[in-house]
Amino acid sequence: MSNTSVNYYLKNTNQLIKGKTLISLLLFLALGFSFVFPPSLKYPLFFVFYGIVYLLSFQLVGNLDNYKVDPNDLEKASYKYLILFALFFVCLILLRSSRLLANSLEFDYFIFGFFFLVTLYIVAINFFKNKIQRNIPRKLSYLTAINGAVGNYLFLFCSLYVAGFYGHQHLFLQFYLPYVLGIVFASKVKNLLGNNVKTYSLIGIFLGLLLIVFSPLFALGLFLTSLFKGSLNSSLTQDYESTINIVEDKRIWVKYTIQNIGSILHQFLLMLLGSLIIMKNGLSIKTLFVITSTPIPTARSIELMKSWNLIATSLIILIIIAYLIYPKIVPLLKKSK
């Protein structure tokens, strides 16, 4: 979010240097090669790489003497969002720790917390009418949440799927490489889509998802989904940056807030679906943890990953279809009344 805000500031002040696709690709690949190393070497390499990147960012930050936040743009803290953040944080910690520690009790707490969060949201929207005004269209807000959900699907589910279906040794070729190539070349594709970037991007994501779930071309489907998701994300960022009724310091922040809510909610729903599939097959929740962490796939993990892939990918497809047909259904419903 900070990097995006800085880039738009440099662009608006004619200071932005044209990005170099080759350098970005090489940096992504350098990070991805750590997948082929053993865990004892892999994790230190991750930290070293990110440490170098953060050190390099200091040079850019030092040159932004004119980038200042206007104190008049600052608003009072939103207690509603503070409570939402706290609940999200607790549920996310329970989910991550239960998977990493193979603790089914913590996963149960996560399930209860998730249903409590959904119930609280339903109560809030029905009994508290004073919603926080984001000054953005509802359609743009929904599309931003979908963008976050697709991003979580790509990075979380697809990595878990490759680990459980193909094995950890295939993570680089089957997951990371097509995912990164899609991100790197998304800006090139966006320029070719003309004025209907969002519609064409959703269609491209839809086609990529069909390849993922209904064909053996998983890597190709992942590449297409990542490619068009990147072009959609770039278009949404431009929309928020050009929203004049939001102060400049907050435009990207608002976009990332809505996007992250969609991402986290999808992550919760994704793990809930995975647990239901496991229990439907008469297995314990710990089996889900083992399947998503074992380095070598088994016949059981492959079969369960097929079911999870079908349900998880179909969920994203249905969300996209609902978004595309909603504007056409609303006028019909109004006429019927």
C-alpha atoms as a PDB file:
ATOM      1  CA  MET A   1       0.000   0.000   0.000  1.00  0.00           C
ATOM      2  CA  SER A   2       2.792   2.446   0.906  1.00  0.00           C
ATOM      3  CA  ASN A   3       4.713   1.575  -2.245  1.00  0.00           C
ATOM      4  CA  THR A   4       1.623   2.140  -4.408  1.00  0.00           C
ATOM      5  CA  SER A   5       0.915   5.488  -2.730  1.00  0.00           C
ATOM      6  CA  VAL A   6       4.499   6.629  -3.256  1.00  0.00           C
ATOM      7  CA  ASN A   7       4.492   5.546  -6.908  1.00  0.00           C
ATOM      8  CA  TYR A   8       1.318   7.532  -7.616  1.00  0.00           C
ATOM      9  CA  TYR A   9       2.766  10.549  -5.826  1.00  0.00           C
ATOM     10  CA  LEU A  10       5.900  10.356  -7.991  1.00  0.00           C
ATOM     11  CA  LYS A  11       3.765   9.902 -11.090  1.00  0.00           C
ATOM     12  CA  ASN A  12       1.593  12.917 -10.289  1.00  0.00           C
ATOM     13  CA  THR A  13       4.699  15.054  -9.701  1.00  0.00           C
ATOM     14  CA  ASN A  14       6.466  13.783 -12.853  1.00  0.00           C
ATOM     15  CA  GLN A  15       9.200  12.086 -10.824  1.00  0.00           C
ATOM     16  CA  LEU A  16       8.331   8.449 -11.495  1.00  0.00           C
ATOM     17  CA  ILE A  17      10.952   6.514 -13.407  1.00  0.00           C
ATOM     18  CA  LYS A  18       9.506   4.008 -15.859  1.00  0.00           C
ATOM     19  CA  GLY A  19       9.417   0.549 -14.330  1.00  0.00           C
ATOM     20  CA  LYS A  20      11.681  -2.157 -15.664  1.00  0.00           C
ATOM     21  CA  THR A  21       9.810  -5.413 -16.255  1.00  0.00           C
ATOM     22  CA  LEU A  22      12.984  -7.497 -16.612  1.00  0.00           C
ATOM     23  CA  ILE A  23      14.415  -6.315 -13.284  1.00  0.00           C
ATOM     24  CA  SER A  24      11.107  -6.993 -11.503  1.00  0.00           C
ATOM     25  CA  LEU A  25      10.958 -10.474 -13.003  1.00  0.00           C
ATOM     26  CA  LEU A  26      14.531 -11.252 -11.952  1.00  0.00           C
ATOM     27  CA  LEU A  27      13.834 -10.118  -8.383  1.00  0.00           C
ATOM     28  CA  PHE A  28      10.712 -12.302  -8.192  1.00  0.00           C
ATOM     29  CA  LEU A  29      12.579 -15.301  -9.600  1.00  0.00           C
ATOM     30  CA  ALA A  30      15.466 -14.811  -7.178  1.00  0.00           C
ATOM     31  CA  LEU A  31      12.986 -15.008  -4.302  1.00  0.00           C
ATOM     32  CA  GLY A  32      11.209 -17.986  -5.859  1.00  0.00           C
ATOM     33  CA  PHE A  33      14.380 -20.065  -6.155  1.00  0.00           C
ATOM     34  CA  SER A  34      14.357 -20.391  -2.383  1.00  0.00           C
ATOM     35  CA  PHE A  35      11.538 -22.937  -2.839  1.00  0.00           C
ATOM     36  CA  VAL A  36      14.060 -25.508  -4.060  1.00  0.00           C
ATOM     37  CA  PHE A  37      16.172 -25.255  -0.903  1.00  0.00           C
ATOM     38  CA  PRO A  38      15.554 -27.244   2.307  1.00  0.00           C
ATOM     39  CA  PRO A  39      13.612 -25.491   5.124  1.00  0.00           C
ATOM     40  CA  SER A  40      16.806 -24.903   7.146  1.00  0.00           C
ATOM     41  CA  LEU A  41      18.078 -22.690   4.313  1.00  0.00           C
ATOM     42  CA  LYS A  42      14.779 -21.577   2.749  1.00  0.00           C
ATOM     43  CA  TYR A  43      13.460 -19.439   5.610  1.00  0.00           C
ATOM     44  CA  PRO A  44      16.723 -17.549   6.284  1.00  0.00           C
ATOM     45  CA  LEU A  45      16.872 -16.742   2.548  1.00  0.00           C
ATOM     46  CA  PHE A  46      13.358 -15.282   2.688  1.00  0.00           C
ATOM     47  CA  PHE A  47      14.329 -12.971   5.549  1.00  0.00           C
ATOM     48  CA  VAL A  48      17.615 -11.954   3.928  1.00  0.00           C
ATOM     49  CA  PHE A  49      15.885 -11.143   0.631  1.00  0.00           C
ATOM     50  CA  TYR A  50      13.163  -9.042   2.220  1.00  0.00           C
ATOM     51  CA  GLY A  51      15.741  -7.349   4.443  1.00  0.00           C
ATOM     52  CA  ILE A  52      17.708  -6.252   1.376  1.00  0.00           C
ATOM     53  CA  VAL A  53      14.557  -4.945  -0.309  1.00  0.00           C
ATOM     54  CA  TYR A  54      13.590  -2.901   2.758  1.00  0.00           C
ATOM     55  CA  LEU A  55      17.097  -1.456   2.991  1.00  0.00           C
ATOM     56  CA  LEU A  56      16.889  -0.416  -0.660  1.00  0.00           C
ATOM     57  CA  SER A  57      13.550   1.271   0.019  1.00  0.00           C
ATOM     58  CA  PHE A  58      15.195   3.661   2.504  1.00  0.00           C
ATOM     59  CA  GLN A  59      16.943   5.380  -0.377  1.00  0.00           C
ATOM     60  CA  LEU A  60      13.600   6.123  -2.039  1.00  0.00           C
ATOM     61  CA  VAL A  61      11.984   7.298   1.197  1.00  0.00           C
ATOM     62  CA  GLY A  62      14.892   9.670   1.806  1.00  0.00           C
ATOM     63  CA  ASN A  63      14.175  11.424  -1.489  1.00  0.00           C
ATOM     64  CA  LEU A  64      10.518  12.155  -0.648  1.00  0.00           C
ATOM     65  CA  ASP A  65      11.045  15.399   1.209  1.00  0.00           C
ATOM     66  CA  ASN A  66       7.942  16.988  -0.312  1.00  0.00           C
ATOM     67  CA  TYR A  67       5.575  14.100   0.508  1.00  0.00           C
ATOM     68  CA  LYS A  68       3.687  15.251   3.585  1.00  0.00           C
ATOM     69  CA  VAL A  69       0.384  14.274   5.159  1.00  0.00           C
ATOM     70  CA  ASP A  70      -1.949  17.188   5.712  1.00  0.00           C
ATOM     71  CA  PRO A  71      -3.068  17.174   9.388  1.00  0.00           C
ATOM     72  CA  ASN A  72      -6.454  18.491   8.270  1.00  0.00           C
ATOM     73  CA  ASP A  73      -7.012  15.239   6.388  1.00  0.00           C
ATOM     74  CA  LEU A  74      -6.724  13.157   9.545  1.00  0.00           C
ATOM     75  CA  GLU A  75      -9.981  11.992  11.076  1.00  0.00           C
ATOM     76  CA  LYS A  76     -10.939  10.531  14.404  1.00  0.00           C
ATOM     77  CA  ALA A  77     -10.442   6.812  14.897  1.00  0.00           C
ATOM     78  CA  SER A  78     -13.340   4.565  13.920  1.00  0.00           C
ATOM     79  CA  TYR A  79     -14.233   2.344  16.855  1.00  0.00           C
ATOM     80  CA  LYS A  80     -16.281   0.116  14.567  1.00  0.00           C
ATOM     81  CA  TYR A  81     -13.246  -0.648  12.452  1.00  0.00           C
ATOM     82  CA  LEU A  82     -11.060  -1.011  15.543  1.00  0.00           C
ATOM     83  CA  ILE A  83     -13.405  -3.732  16.825  1.00  0.00           C
ATOM     84  CA  LEU A  84     -13.522  -5.333  13.366  1.00  0.00           C
ATOM     85  CA  PHE A  85      -9.723  -5.327  13.169  1.00  0.00           C
ATOM     86  CA  ALA A  86      -9.407  -6.903  16.634  1.00  0.00           C
ATOM     87  CA  LEU A  87     -11.865  -9.687  15.761  1.00  0.00           C
ATOM     88  CA  PHE A  88     -10.193 -10.336  12.401  1.00  0.00           C
ATOM     89  CA  PHE A  89      -6.809 -10.420  14.087  1.00  0.00           C
ATOM     90  CA  VAL A  90      -7.844 -12.929  16.750  1.00  0.00           C
ATOM     91  CA  CYS A  91      -9.541 -15.222  14.209  1.00  0.00           C
ATOM     92  CA  LEU A  92      -6.556 -15.018  11.856  1.00  0.00           C
ATOM     93  CA  ILE A  93      -4.086 -15.885  14.629  1.00  0.00           C
ATOM     94  CA  LEU A  94      -6.221 -18.861  15.656  1.00  0.00           C
ATOM     95  CA  LEU A  95      -6.437 -20.046  12.033  1.00  0.00           C
ATOM     96  CA  ARG A  96      -2.714 -19.709  11.294  1.00  0.00           C
ATOM     97  CA  SER A  97      -1.511 -21.154  14.591  1.00  0.00           C
ATOM     98  CA  SER A  98      -3.944 -24.086  14.411  1.00  0.00           C
ATOM     99  CA  ARG A  99      -2.604 -25.018  10.967  1.00  0.00           C
ATOM    100  CA  LEU A 100       1.068 -24.572  11.817  1.00  0.00           C
ATOM    101  CA  LEU A 101       0.808 -26.351  15.174  1.00  0.00           C
ATOM    102  CA  ALA A 102      -1.749 -28.947  13.982  1.00  0.00           C
ATOM    103  CA  ASN A 103      -3.988 -27.951  16.890  1.00  0.00           C
ATOM    104  CA  SER A 104      -7.601 -28.859  16.182  1.00  0.00           C
ATOM    105  CA  LEU A 105      -8.831 -27.144  19.377  1.00  0.00           C
ATOM    106  CA  GLU A 106      -7.591 -23.756  18.162  1.00  0.00           C
ATOM    107  CA  PHE A 107      -9.259 -24.436  14.820  1.00  0.00           C
ATOM    108  CA  ASP A 108     -12.555 -25.017  16.657  1.00  0.00           C
ATOM    109  CA  TYR A 109     -12.124 -21.641  18.340  1.00  0.00           C
ATOM    110  CA  PHE A 110     -11.525 -20.108  14.907  1.00  0.00           C
ATOM    111  CA  ILE A 111     -14.776 -21.650  13.582  1.00  0.00           C
ATOM    112  CA  PHE A 112     -16.766 -20.257  16.521  1.00  0.00           C
ATOM    113  CA  GLY A 113     -15.093 -16.872  16.095  1.00  0.00           C
ATOM    114  CA  PHE A 114     -15.901 -16.820  12.385  1.00  0.00           C
ATOM    115  CA  PHE A 115     -19.602 -17.507  12.945  1.00  0.00           C
ATOM    116  CA  PHE A 116     -19.656 -14.882  15.712  1.00  0.00           C
ATOM    117  CA  LEU A 117     -18.090 -12.376  13.310  1.00  0.00           C
ATOM    118  CA  VAL A 118     -20.689 -13.112  10.614  1.00  0.00           C
ATOM    119  CA  THR A 119     -23.542 -12.856  13.141  1.00  0.00           C
ATOM    120  CA  LEU A 120     -22.194  -9.568  14.466  1.00  0.00           C
ATOM    121  CA  TYR A 121     -21.985  -8.175  10.932  1.00  0.00           C
ATOM    122  CA  ILE A 122     -25.585  -9.164  10.153  1.00  0.00           C
ATOM    123  CA  VAL A 123     -26.794  -7.516  13.353  1.00  0.00           C
ATOM    124  CA  ALA A 124     -24.756  -4.379  12.679  1.00  0.00           C
ATOM    125  CA  ILE A 125     -26.053  -3.777   9.147  1.00  0.00           C
ATOM    126  CA  ASN A 126     -29.668  -4.296  10.236  1.00  0.00           C
ATOM    127  CA  PHE A 127     -29.730  -2.319  13.491  1.00  0.00           C
ATOM    128  CA  PHE A 128     -27.077   0.330  13.018  1.00  0.00           C
ATOM    129  CA  LYS A 129     -27.855   2.484  10.019  1.00  0.00           C
ATOM    130  CA  ASN A 130     -25.014   4.992  10.424  1.00  0.00           C
ATOM    131  CA  LYS A 131     -22.521   3.272   8.185  1.00  0.00           C
ATOM    132  CA  ILE A 132     -19.097   4.736   7.648  1.00  0.00           C
ATOM    133  CA  GLN A 133     -19.197   6.819   4.500  1.00  0.00           C
ATOM    134  CA  ARG A 134     -16.381   5.798   2.185  1.00  0.00           C
ATOM    135  CA  ASN A 135     -17.429   8.181  -0.601  1.00  0.00           C
ATOM    136  CA  ILE A 136     -17.135   5.451  -3.219  1.00  0.00           C
ATOM    137  CA  PRO A 137     -19.808   3.651  -5.277  1.00  0.00           C
ATOM    138  CA  ARG A 138     -21.110   0.379  -3.903  1.00  0.00           C
ATOM    139  CA  LYS A 139     -20.293  -1.400  -7.157  1.00  0.00           C
ATOM    140  CA  LEU A 140     -16.653  -0.341  -6.892  1.00  0.00           C
ATOM    141  CA  SER A 141     -16.572  -1.495  -3.277  1.00  0.00           C
ATOM    142  CA  TYR A 142     -17.908  -4.952  -4.207  1.00  0.00           C
ATOM    143  CA  LEU A 143     -15.436  -5.311  -7.052  1.00  0.00           C
ATOM    144  CA  THR A 144     -12.587  -4.352  -4.723  1.00  0.00           C
ATOM    145  CA  ALA A 145     -13.643  -7.037  -2.244  1.00  0.00           C
ATOM    146  CA  ILE A 146     -13.785  -9.568  -5.110  1.00  0.00           C
ATOM    147  CA  ASN A 147     -10.282  -8.505  -6.115  1.00  0.00           C
ATOM    148  CA  GLY A 148      -9.108  -9.274  -2.585  1.00  0.00           C
ATOM    149  CA  ALA A 149     -10.860 -12.650  -2.579  1.00  0.00           C
ATOM    150  CA  VAL A 150      -9.251 -13.643  -5.901  1.00  0.00           C
ATOM    151  CA  GLY A 151      -5.858 -12.550  -4.575  1.00  0.00           C
ATOM    152  CA  ASN A 152      -6.273 -14.728  -1.493  1.00  0.00           C
ATOM    153  CA  TYR A 153      -7.458 -17.626  -3.668  1.00  0.00           C
ATOM    154  CA  LEU A 154      -4.334 -17.372  -5.825  1.00  0.00           C
ATOM    155  CA  PHE A 155      -1.754 -17.011  -3.089  1.00  0.00           C
ATOM    156  CA  LEU A 156      -3.229 -19.148  -0.308  1.00  0.00           C
ATOM    157  CA  PHE A 157      -5.402 -21.815  -1.889  1.00  0.00           C
ATOM    158  CA  CYS A 158      -3.303 -22.432  -5.009  1.00  0.00           C
ATOM    159  CA  SER A 159      -0.129 -22.831  -2.949  1.00  0.00           C
ATOM    160  CA  LEU A 160      -1.888 -25.282  -0.612  1.00  0.00           C
ATOM    161  CA  TYR A 161      -3.348 -27.136  -3.582  1.00  0.00           C
ATOM    162  CA  VAL A 162       0.014 -27.560  -5.313  1.00  0.00           C
ATOM    163  CA  ALA A 163       1.614 -28.717  -2.059  1.00  0.00           C
ATOM    164  CA  GLY A 164      -1.116 -31.306  -1.441  1.00  0.00           C
ATOM    165  CA  PHE A 165      -1.662 -32.421  -5.038  1.00  0.00           C
ATOM    166  CA  TYR A 166       1.759 -32.187  -6.720  1.00  0.00           C
ATOM    167  CA  GLY A 167       4.103 -31.976  -3.724  1.00  0.00           C
ATOM    168  CA  HIS A 168       6.320 -29.242  -2.303  1.00  0.00           C
ATOM    169  CA  GLN A 169       9.022 -29.882  -4.912  1.00  0.00           C
ATOM    170  CA  HIS A 170       6.633 -28.583  -7.599  1.00  0.00           C
ATOM    171  CA  LEU A 171       5.757 -25.320  -5.831  1.00  0.00           C
ATOM    172  CA  PHE A 172       8.151 -23.240  -7.917  1.00  0.00           C
ATOM    173  CA  LEU A 173       7.084 -24.456 -11.378  1.00  0.00           C
ATOM    174  CA  GLN A 174       3.399 -25.159 -10.764  1.00  0.00           C
ATOM    175  CA  PHE A 175       2.587 -22.236  -8.464  1.00  0.00           C
ATOM    176  CA  TYR A 176       5.180 -19.499  -7.984  1.00  0.00           C
ATOM    177  CA  LEU A 177       6.439 -19.101 -11.562  1.00  0.00           C
ATOM    178  CA  PRO A 178       3.010 -18.735 -13.274  1.00  0.00           C
ATOM    179  CA  TYR A 179       1.818 -16.542 -10.396  1.00  0.00           C
ATOM    180  CA  VAL A 180       4.776 -14.168 -10.730  1.00  0.00           C
ATOM    181  CA  LEU A 181       4.676 -14.082 -14.526  1.00  0.00           C
ATOM    182  CA  GLY A 182       1.036 -13.038 -14.313  1.00  0.00           C
ATOM    183  CA  ILE A 183       1.864 -10.197 -11.914  1.00  0.00           C
ATOM    184  CA  VAL A 184       4.829  -8.950 -13.970  1.00  0.00           C
ATOM    185  CA  PHE A 185       3.030  -8.875 -17.327  1.00  0.00           C
ATOM    186  CA  ALA A 186      -0.354  -7.673 -16.023  1.00  0.00           C
ATOM    187  CA  SER A 187       0.409  -4.029 -16.788  1.00  0.00           C
ATOM    188  CA  LYS A 188       1.212  -4.904 -20.417  1.00  0.00           C
ATOM    189  CA  VAL A 189      -2.102  -6.736 -20.824  1.00  0.00           C
ATOM    190  CA  LYS A 190      -4.054  -3.937 -19.136  1.00  0.00           C
ATOM    191  CA  ASN A 191      -2.882  -1.488 -21.780  1.00  0.00           C
ATOM    192  CA  LEU A 192      -4.291  -3.782 -24.483  1.00  0.00           C
ATOM    193  CA  LEU A 193      -7.765  -4.096 -22.939  1.00  0.00           C
ATOM    194  CA  GLY A 194      -8.866  -0.566 -23.753  1.00  0.00           C
ATOM    195  CA  ASN A 195     -11.694   1.081 -21.838  1.00  0.00           C
ATOM    196  CA  ASN A 196     -13.379  -2.147 -20.679  1.00  0.00           C
ATOM    197  CA  VAL A 197     -10.499  -3.283 -18.495  1.00  0.00           C
ATOM    198  CA  LYS A 198     -12.636  -4.494 -15.607  1.00  0.00           C
ATOM    199  CA  THR A 199     -15.084  -6.517 -17.714  1.00  0.00           C
ATOM    200  CA  TYR A 200     -12.365  -8.134 -19.809  1.00  0.00           C
ATOM    201  CA  SER A 201     -10.288  -8.801 -16.695  1.00  0.00           C
ATOM    202  CA  LEU A 202     -13.191 -10.574 -15.002  1.00  0.00           C
ATOM    203  CA  ILE A 203     -13.739 -12.648 -18.149  1.00  0.00           C
ATOM    204  CA  GLY A 204     -10.027 -13.510 -18.211  1.00  0.00           C
ATOM    205  CA  ILE A 205     -10.102 -14.500 -14.527  1.00  0.00           C
ATOM    206  CA  PHE A 206     -13.207 -16.591 -15.226  1.00  0.00           C
ATOM    207  CA  LEU A 207     -11.466 -18.470 -18.067  1.00  0.00           C
ATOM    208  CA  GLY A 208      -8.372 -19.018 -15.927  1.00  0.00           C
ATOM    209  CA  LEU A 209     -10.482 -20.476 -13.115  1.00  0.00           C
ATOM    210  CA  LEU A 210     -12.211 -22.839 -15.566  1.00  0.00           C
ATOM    211  CA  LEU A 211      -8.806 -24.148 -16.638  1.00  0.00           C
ATOM    212  CA  ILE A 212      -7.783 -24.628 -13.011  1.00  0.00           C
ATOM    213  CA  VAL A 213     -10.808 -26.652 -12.010  1.00  0.00           C
ATOM    214  CA  PHE A 214     -11.817 -28.498 -15.190  1.00  0.00           C
ATOM    215  CA  SER A 215      -8.529 -29.312 -16.911  1.00  0.00           C
ATOM    216  CA  PRO A 216      -5.041 -30.656 -16.171  1.00  0.00           C
ATOM    217  CA  LEU A 217      -3.600 -27.276 -17.236  1.00  0.00           C
ATOM    218  CA  PHE A 218      -3.374 -25.962 -13.682  1.00  0.00           C
ATOM    219  CA  ALA A 219      -0.255 -23.819 -14.215  1.00  0.00           C
ATOM    220  CA  LEU A 220      -1.728 -22.186 -17.335  1.00  0.00           C
ATOM    221  CA  GLY A 221      -5.001 -21.454 -15.546  1.00  0.00           C
ATOM    222  CA  LEU A 222      -3.090 -19.987 -12.606  1.00  0.00           C
ATOM    223  CA  PHE A 223      -1.058 -17.783 -14.960  1.00  0.00           C
ATOM    224  CA  LEU A 224      -4.186 -16.446 -16.705  1.00  0.00           C
ATOM    225  CA  THR A 225      -5.972 -15.811 -13.410  1.00  0.00           C
ATOM    226  CA  SER A 226      -2.941 -13.992 -11.989  1.00  0.00           C
ATOM    227  CA  LEU A 227      -2.465 -12.030 -15.220  1.00  0.00           C
ATOM    228  CA  PHE A 228      -6.014 -10.677 -15.416  1.00  0.00           C
ATOM    229  CA  LYS A 229      -6.270 -10.242 -11.655  1.00  0.00           C
ATOM    230  CA  GLY A 230      -3.233  -7.982 -11.887  1.00  0.00           C
ATOM    231  CA  SER A 231      -4.817  -5.893 -14.648  1.00  0.00           C
ATOM    232  CA  LEU A 232      -8.044  -5.630 -12.624  1.00  0.00           C
ATOM    233  CA  ASN A 233      -6.109  -4.573  -9.539  1.00  0.00           C
ATOM    234  CA  SER A 234      -4.253  -1.883 -11.489  1.00  0.00           C
ATOM    235  CA  SER A 235      -7.513  -0.518 -12.918  1.00  0.00           C
ATOM    236  CA  LEU A 236      -9.099  -0.397  -9.462  1.00  0.00           C
ATOM    237  CA  THR A 237      -6.089   1.450  -8.077  1.00  0.00           C
ATOM    238  CA  GLN A 238      -6.480   4.080 -10.792  1.00  0.00           C
ATOM    239  CA  ASP A 239     -10.170   4.462  -9.939  1.00  0.00           C
ATOM    240  CA  TYR A 240      -9.412   5.100  -6.273  1.00  0.00           C
ATOM    241  CA  GLU A 241      -6.547   7.444  -7.065  1.00  0.00           C
ATOM    242  CA  SER A 242      -8.868   9.553  -9.223  1.00  0.00           C
ATOM    243  CA  THR A 243     -11.656   9.713  -6.600  1.00  0.00           C
ATOM    244  CA  ILE A 244     -11.606  13.412  -5.798  1.00  0.00           C
ATOM    245  CA  ASN A 245     -14.065  13.240  -2.863  1.00  0.00           C
ATOM    246  CA  ILE A 246     -11.481  11.238  -0.858  1.00  0.00           C
ATOM    247  CA  VAL A 247      -8.389  13.109   0.301  1.00  0.00           C
ATOM    248  CA  GLU A 248      -5.260  12.101  -1.622  1.00  0.00           C
ATOM    249  CA  ASP A 249      -3.498  10.593   1.389  1.00  0.00           C
ATOM    250  CA  LYS A 250      -6.332   8.103   1.935  1.00  0.00           C
ATOM    251  CA  ARG A 251      -7.377   6.936  -1.520  1.00  0.00           C
ATOM    252  CA  ILE A 252      -5.101   3.911  -1.729  1.00  0.00           C
ATOM    253  CA  TRP A 253      -5.633   3.221   1.966  1.00  0.00           C
ATOM    254  CA  VAL A 254      -9.401   2.907   1.453  1.00  0.00           C
ATOM    255  CA  LYS A 255      -8.863   0.573  -1.489  1.00  0.00           C
ATOM    256  CA  TYR A 256      -6.556  -1.728   0.474  1.00  0.00           C
ATOM    257  CA  THR A 257      -8.891  -1.724   3.481  1.00  0.00           C
ATOM    258  CA  ILE A 258     -11.838  -3.046   1.457  1.00  0.00           C
ATOM    259  CA  GLN A 259      -9.592  -5.394  -0.520  1.00  0.00           C
ATOM    260  CA  ASN A 260      -8.104  -6.906   2.645  1.00  0.00           C
ATOM    261  CA  ILE A 261     -11.535  -7.426   4.171  1.00  0.00           C
ATOM    262  CA  GLY A 262     -12.539  -9.425   1.078  1.00  0.00           C
ATOM    263  CA  SER A 263      -9.275 -11.363   1.250  1.00  0.00           C
ATOM    264  CA  ILE A 264      -9.561 -12.274   4.935  1.00  0.00           C
ATOM    265  CA  LEU A 265     -13.239 -13.220   4.702  1.00  0.00           C
ATOM    266  CA  HIS A 266     -12.445 -15.468   1.747  1.00  0.00           C
ATOM    267  CA  GLN A 267      -9.575 -17.039   3.692  1.00  0.00           C
ATOM    268  CA  PHE A 268     -11.916 -17.832   6.589  1.00  0.00           C
ATOM    269  CA  LEU A 269     -14.548 -19.279   4.266  1.00  0.00           C
ATOM    270  CA  LEU A 270     -11.915 -21.259   2.350  1.00  0.00           C
ATOM    271  CA  MET A 271     -10.589 -22.996   5.471  1.00  0.00           C
ATOM    272  CA  LEU A 272     -14.141 -23.619   6.673  1.00  0.00           C
ATOM    273  CA  LEU A 273     -14.967 -25.370   3.383  1.00  0.00           C
ATOM    274  CA  GLY A 274     -11.764 -27.407   3.661  1.00  0.00           C
ATOM    275  CA  SER A 275     -12.726 -28.577   7.147  1.00  0.00           C
ATOM    276  CA  LEU A 276     -16.231 -29.552   5.988  1.00  0.00           C
ATOM    277  CA  ILE A 277     -14.772 -31.640   3.151  1.00  0.00           C
ATOM    278  CA  ILE A 278     -12.444 -33.379   5.593  1.00  0.00           C
ATOM    279  CA  MET A 279     -15.197 -34.157   8.089  1.00  0.00           C
ATOM    280  CA  LYS A 280     -17.549 -35.315   5.331  1.00  0.00           C
ATOM    281  CA  ASN A 281     -14.990 -38.001   4.497  1.00  0.00           C
ATOM    282  CA  GLY A 282     -14.925 -39.140   8.132  1.00  0.00           C
ATOM    283  CA  LEU A 283     -11.494 -37.682   8.851  1.00  0.00           C
ATOM    284  CA  SER A 284     -10.256 -35.391  11.615  1.00  0.00           C
ATOM    285  CA  ILE A 285      -9.274 -31.741  11.225  1.00  0.00           C
ATOM    286  CA  LYS A 286      -5.644 -32.720  11.828  1.00  0.00           C
ATOM    287  CA  THR A 287      -5.767 -34.540   8.501  1.00  0.00           C
ATOM    288  CA  LEU A 288      -6.300 -31.166   6.806  1.00  0.00           C
ATOM    289  CA  PHE A 289      -3.192 -29.804   8.508  1.00  0.00           C
ATOM    290  CA  VAL A 290      -1.143 -32.834   7.482  1.00  0.00           C
ATOM    291  CA  ILE A 291      -2.316 -32.701   3.862  1.00  0.00           C
ATOM    292  CA  THR A 292      -1.398 -29.019   3.482  1.00  0.00           C
ATOM    293  CA  SER A 293       2.034 -29.414   5.080  1.00  0.00           C
ATOM    294  CA  THR A 294       3.319 -32.809   3.957  1.00  0.00           C
ATOM    295  CA  PRO A 295       6.193 -32.543   1.419  1.00  0.00           C
ATOM    296  CA  ILE A 296       5.117 -35.613  -0.588  1.00  0.00           C
ATOM    297  CA  PRO A 297       1.497 -36.044  -1.764  1.00  0.00           C
ATOM    298  CA  THR A 298      -0.452 -39.196  -1.004  1.00  0.00           C
ATOM    299  CA  ALA A 299      -3.461 -40.783  -2.674  1.00  0.00           C
ATOM    300  CA  ARG A 300      -5.650 -39.376   0.107  1.00  0.00           C
ATOM    301  CA  SER A 301      -4.274 -35.849  -0.195  1.00  0.00           C
ATOM    302  CA  ILE A 302      -4.690 -35.871  -3.986  1.00  0.00           C
ATOM    303  CA  GLU A 303      -8.300 -36.994  -3.749  1.00  0.00           C
ATOM    304  CA  LEU A 304      -9.204 -34.465  -1.073  1.00  0.00           C
ATOM    305  CA  MET A 305      -7.450 -31.660  -2.941  1.00  0.00           C
ATOM    306  CA  LYS A 306      -9.552 -32.446  -6.027  1.00  0.00           C
ATOM    307  CA  SER A 307     -12.736 -31.960  -4.010  1.00  0.00           C
ATOM    308  CA  TRP A 308     -11.435 -28.811  -2.337  1.00  0.00           C
ATOM    309  CA  ASN A 309     -10.350 -27.380  -5.690  1.00  0.00           C
ATOM    310  CA  LEU A 310     -13.766 -27.962  -7.213  1.00  0.00           C
ATOM    311  CA  ILE A 311     -15.610 -26.253  -4.358  1.00  0.00           C
ATOM    312  CA  ALA A 312     -13.138 -23.401  -3.724  1.00  0.00           C
ATOM    313  CA  THR A 313     -12.769 -22.481  -7.397  1.00  0.00           C
ATOM    314  CA  SER A 314     -16.490 -22.785  -8.070  1.00  0.00           C
ATOM    315  CA  LEU A 315     -17.096 -20.372  -5.194  1.00  0.00           C
ATOM    316  CA  ILE A 316     -14.953 -17.677  -6.853  1.00  0.00           C
ATOM    317  CA  ILE A 317     -16.610 -18.344 -10.223  1.00  0.00           C
ATOM    318  CA  LEU A 318     -20.080 -17.911  -8.692  1.00  0.00           C
ATOM    319  CA  ILE A 319     -19.032 -14.663  -6.995  1.00  0.00           C
ATOM    320  CA  ILE A 320     -17.821 -13.257 -10.321  1.00  0.00           C
ATOM    321  CA  ILE A 321     -20.984 -14.393 -12.155  1.00  0.00           C
ATOM    322  CA  ALA A 322     -23.164 -12.811  -9.444  1.00  0.00           C
ATOM    323  CA  TYR A 323     -21.282  -9.527  -9.810  1.00  0.00           C
ATOM    324  CA  LEU A 324     -21.633  -9.541 -13.612  1.00  0.00           C
ATOM    325  CA  ILE A 325     -25.356 -10.319 -13.692  1.00  0.00           C
ATOM    326  CA  TYR A 326     -26.383  -8.212 -10.659  1.00  0.00           C
ATOM    327  CA  PRO A 327     -26.708  -4.908 -12.614  1.00  0.00           C
ATOM    328  CA  LYS A 328     -29.023  -6.676 -15.077  1.00  0.00           C
ATOM    329  CA  ILE A 329     -31.194  -8.272 -12.387  1.00  0.00           C
ATOM    330  CA  VAL A 330     -31.787  -5.141 -10.297  1.00  0.00           C
ATOM    331  CA  PRO A 331     -33.798  -3.256 -12.980  1.00  0.00           C
ATOM    332  CA  LEU A 332     -35.971  -6.334 -13.530  1.00  0.00           C
ATOM    333  CA  LEU A 333     -36.672  -6.615  -9.802  1.00  0.00           C
ATOM    334  CA  LYS A 334     -37.627  -2.935  -9.651  1.00  0.00           C
ATOM    335  CA  LYS A 335     -40.017  -3.350 -12.592  1.00  0.00           C
ATOM    336  CA  SER A 336     -41.649  -6.381 -10.982  1.00  0.00           C
ATOM    337  CA  LYS A 337     -42.412  -4.300  -7.889  1.00  0.00           C
END
